[in-house]
N, C-alpha and C. Protein backbone atom coordinates (compact mmCIF):
# COMPACT_ATOMS: atom_id res chain seq x y z
N UNK A 1 26.20 -35.39 63.60
CA UNK A 1 27.01 -34.18 63.51
C UNK A 1 27.93 -34.09 64.72
N UNK A 2 29.09 -33.58 64.48
CA UNK A 2 30.03 -33.39 65.58
C UNK A 2 29.79 -32.03 66.24
N UNK A 3 30.42 -31.85 67.36
CA UNK A 3 30.31 -30.58 68.08
C UNK A 3 30.86 -29.44 67.22
N UNK A 4 31.95 -29.71 66.49
CA UNK A 4 32.54 -28.67 65.63
C UNK A 4 31.56 -28.29 64.53
N UNK A 5 30.86 -29.28 63.96
CA UNK A 5 29.87 -28.98 62.92
C UNK A 5 28.73 -28.14 63.49
N UNK A 6 28.29 -28.50 64.69
CA UNK A 6 27.22 -27.74 65.33
C UNK A 6 27.66 -26.30 65.59
N UNK A 7 28.87 -26.12 66.08
CA UNK A 7 29.37 -24.78 66.35
C UNK A 7 29.52 -23.96 65.07
N UNK A 8 29.97 -24.60 64.01
CA UNK A 8 30.10 -23.90 62.73
C UNK A 8 28.73 -23.48 62.21
N UNK A 9 27.72 -24.35 62.37
CA UNK A 9 26.37 -24.02 61.92
C UNK A 9 25.80 -22.87 62.74
N UNK A 10 26.04 -22.88 64.05
CA UNK A 10 25.56 -21.79 64.91
C UNK A 10 26.24 -20.49 64.53
N UNK A 11 27.55 -20.54 64.25
CA UNK A 11 28.28 -19.34 63.86
C UNK A 11 27.73 -18.77 62.56
N UNK A 12 27.43 -19.63 61.59
CA UNK A 12 26.86 -19.16 60.33
C UNK A 12 25.50 -18.52 60.55
N UNK A 13 24.68 -19.15 61.39
CA UNK A 13 23.35 -18.59 61.69
C UNK A 13 23.46 -17.24 62.38
N UNK A 14 24.39 -17.13 63.31
CA UNK A 14 24.58 -15.87 64.04
C UNK A 14 25.06 -14.78 63.09
N UNK A 15 25.99 -15.10 62.22
CA UNK A 15 26.47 -14.11 61.25
C UNK A 15 25.34 -13.67 60.32
N UNK A 16 24.49 -14.63 59.92
CA UNK A 16 23.34 -14.30 59.07
C UNK A 16 22.37 -13.39 59.82
N UNK A 17 22.15 -13.68 61.10
CA UNK A 17 21.26 -12.86 61.91
C UNK A 17 21.80 -11.43 62.04
N UNK A 18 23.08 -11.30 62.31
CA UNK A 18 23.69 -9.97 62.44
C UNK A 18 23.56 -9.20 61.14
N UNK A 19 23.80 -9.87 60.02
CA UNK A 19 23.69 -9.22 58.71
C UNK A 19 22.25 -8.80 58.44
N UNK A 20 21.29 -9.66 58.76
CA UNK A 20 19.88 -9.36 58.54
C UNK A 20 19.40 -8.20 59.41
N UNK A 21 19.81 -8.18 60.67
CA UNK A 21 19.43 -7.09 61.57
C UNK A 21 20.02 -5.77 61.07
N UNK A 22 21.24 -5.81 60.59
CA UNK A 22 21.86 -4.60 60.03
C UNK A 22 21.08 -4.07 58.84
N UNK A 23 20.66 -4.98 57.97
CA UNK A 23 19.86 -4.57 56.81
C UNK A 23 18.52 -3.99 57.26
N UNK A 24 17.90 -4.62 58.24
CA UNK A 24 16.63 -4.13 58.76
C UNK A 24 16.78 -2.75 59.37
N UNK A 25 17.84 -2.53 60.15
CA UNK A 25 18.08 -1.21 60.75
C UNK A 25 18.26 -0.15 59.67
N UNK A 26 19.01 -0.48 58.62
CA UNK A 26 19.21 0.48 57.53
C UNK A 26 17.91 0.78 56.80
N UNK A 27 17.08 -0.23 56.58
CA UNK A 27 15.82 0.01 55.86
C UNK A 27 14.85 0.83 56.71
N UNK A 28 14.79 0.57 58.01
CA UNK A 28 13.91 1.34 58.89
C UNK A 28 14.39 2.79 58.96
N UNK A 29 15.70 2.97 59.06
CA UNK A 29 16.26 4.32 59.10
C UNK A 29 15.94 5.07 57.81
N UNK A 30 16.04 4.38 56.68
CA UNK A 30 15.75 5.01 55.39
C UNK A 30 14.26 5.38 55.29
N UNK A 31 13.39 4.52 55.78
CA UNK A 31 11.95 4.80 55.73
C UNK A 31 11.58 5.99 56.61
N UNK A 32 12.18 6.06 57.76
CA UNK A 32 11.88 7.15 58.70
C UNK A 32 12.54 8.45 58.27
N UNK A 33 13.60 8.35 57.52
CA UNK A 33 14.33 9.54 57.12
C UNK A 33 15.13 10.13 58.26
N UNK A 34 15.41 9.31 59.26
CA UNK A 34 16.19 9.79 60.40
C UNK A 34 17.61 9.28 60.30
N UNK A 35 18.55 10.01 60.84
CA UNK A 35 19.93 9.53 60.81
C UNK A 35 20.09 8.29 61.68
N UNK A 36 21.07 7.50 61.34
CA UNK A 36 21.35 6.29 62.10
C UNK A 36 21.83 6.67 63.50
N UNK A 37 21.80 5.70 64.40
CA UNK A 37 22.25 5.93 65.77
C UNK A 37 23.72 6.33 65.77
N UNK A 38 24.13 7.16 66.71
CA UNK A 38 25.53 7.56 66.79
C UNK A 38 26.44 6.36 66.96
N UNK A 39 27.68 6.50 66.51
CA UNK A 39 28.64 5.40 66.58
C UNK A 39 28.91 4.99 68.02
N UNK A 40 28.69 5.88 68.97
CA UNK A 40 28.95 5.54 70.37
C UNK A 40 27.95 4.53 70.89
N UNK A 41 26.85 4.30 70.15
CA UNK A 41 25.85 3.35 70.58
C UNK A 41 24.82 3.93 71.53
N UNK A 42 24.95 5.21 71.88
CA UNK A 42 24.00 5.85 72.79
C UNK A 42 22.98 6.62 71.98
N UNK A 43 21.73 6.41 72.27
CA UNK A 43 20.67 7.13 71.60
C UNK A 43 20.34 8.39 72.37
N UNK A 44 20.01 9.44 71.65
CA UNK A 44 19.61 10.67 72.32
C UNK A 44 18.27 10.45 72.99
N UNK A 45 18.04 11.13 74.08
CA UNK A 45 16.78 11.01 74.78
C UNK A 45 16.79 9.93 75.85
N UNK A 46 17.86 9.16 75.95
CA UNK A 46 17.94 8.15 76.99
C UNK A 46 18.27 8.82 78.31
N UNK A 47 17.71 8.31 79.37
CA UNK A 47 17.95 8.86 80.69
C UNK A 47 18.88 7.92 81.43
N UNK A 48 19.95 8.46 81.97
CA UNK A 48 20.88 7.67 82.75
C UNK A 48 20.35 7.56 84.18
N UNK A 49 20.28 6.34 84.68
CA UNK A 49 19.80 6.12 86.05
C UNK A 49 21.03 6.02 86.95
N UNK A 50 21.11 6.87 87.96
CA UNK A 50 22.30 6.88 88.82
C UNK A 50 22.39 5.61 89.67
N UNK A 51 23.61 5.30 90.07
CA UNK A 51 23.85 4.13 90.92
C UNK A 51 23.58 4.43 92.39
N UNK A 52 23.40 5.70 92.74
CA UNK A 52 23.17 6.08 94.13
C UNK A 52 21.84 5.48 94.62
N UNK A 53 21.77 5.07 95.87
CA UNK A 53 20.53 4.48 96.38
C UNK A 53 19.40 5.52 96.42
N UNK A 54 18.19 5.04 96.25
CA UNK A 54 17.03 5.92 96.31
C UNK A 54 16.73 6.31 97.76
N UNK A 55 16.06 7.42 97.94
CA UNK A 55 15.62 7.85 99.25
C UNK A 55 14.61 6.83 99.77
N UNK A 56 14.84 6.28 100.95
CA UNK A 56 13.94 5.26 101.50
C UNK A 56 12.54 5.81 101.76
N UNK A 57 12.40 7.13 101.84
CA UNK A 57 11.09 7.74 102.03
C UNK A 57 10.16 7.49 100.85
N UNK A 58 10.73 7.19 99.69
CA UNK A 58 9.90 6.89 98.51
C UNK A 58 9.07 5.62 98.72
N UNK A 59 9.54 4.73 99.57
CA UNK A 59 8.89 3.43 99.73
C UNK A 59 8.02 3.36 100.99
N UNK A 60 7.80 4.48 101.66
CA UNK A 60 6.96 4.49 102.84
C UNK A 60 5.53 4.13 102.46
N UNK A 61 4.87 3.30 103.26
CA UNK A 61 3.48 2.89 103.06
C UNK A 61 3.25 2.16 101.74
N UNK A 62 4.23 1.39 101.30
CA UNK A 62 4.04 0.60 100.08
C UNK A 62 3.98 -0.87 100.43
N UNK A 63 3.30 -1.62 99.59
CA UNK A 63 3.24 -3.07 99.75
C UNK A 63 4.31 -3.70 98.87
N UNK A 64 4.82 -4.84 99.29
CA UNK A 64 5.75 -5.58 98.45
C UNK A 64 4.91 -6.29 97.39
N UNK A 65 5.19 -5.99 96.15
CA UNK A 65 4.38 -6.53 95.06
C UNK A 65 4.39 -8.06 95.11
N UNK A 66 3.22 -8.61 95.14
CA UNK A 66 3.09 -10.07 95.16
C UNK A 66 3.20 -10.68 96.54
N UNK A 67 3.65 -9.90 97.53
CA UNK A 67 3.81 -10.44 98.88
C UNK A 67 2.80 -9.87 99.85
N UNK A 68 2.08 -8.86 99.45
CA UNK A 68 1.09 -8.25 100.34
C UNK A 68 1.71 -7.23 101.26
N UNK A 69 0.92 -6.75 102.17
CA UNK A 69 1.37 -5.73 103.11
C UNK A 69 2.30 -6.35 104.15
N UNK A 70 3.20 -5.52 104.68
CA UNK A 70 4.18 -6.02 105.65
C UNK A 70 3.55 -6.43 106.98
N UNK A 71 2.47 -5.77 107.37
CA UNK A 71 1.91 -6.05 108.69
C UNK A 71 0.82 -7.13 108.65
N UNK A 72 0.59 -7.76 107.52
CA UNK A 72 -0.40 -8.83 107.42
C UNK A 72 0.27 -10.13 107.04
N UNK A 73 -0.39 -11.23 107.38
CA UNK A 73 0.16 -12.55 107.09
C UNK A 73 -0.77 -13.28 106.12
N UNK A 74 -0.17 -14.17 105.36
CA UNK A 74 -0.96 -14.97 104.42
C UNK A 74 -1.84 -15.94 105.21
N UNK A 75 -2.99 -16.28 104.66
CA UNK A 75 -3.88 -17.22 105.39
C UNK A 75 -3.27 -18.59 105.56
């Protein structure tokens, strides 16, 4: 197979996947009896996380996960 054939096959598979996911979303929505997600793509109930840095006081007396405590050394 040539690269063009491979790309065409991948494109067909991707289009099939998109179509199948769309059908699945519609069937789940119909089963739940809930309206589909808004056209904006944002779901209600999502929480926006701000880009502002967190207060460094939140991390006082914490260990670095997987690295242990800051004042101790690995054996």
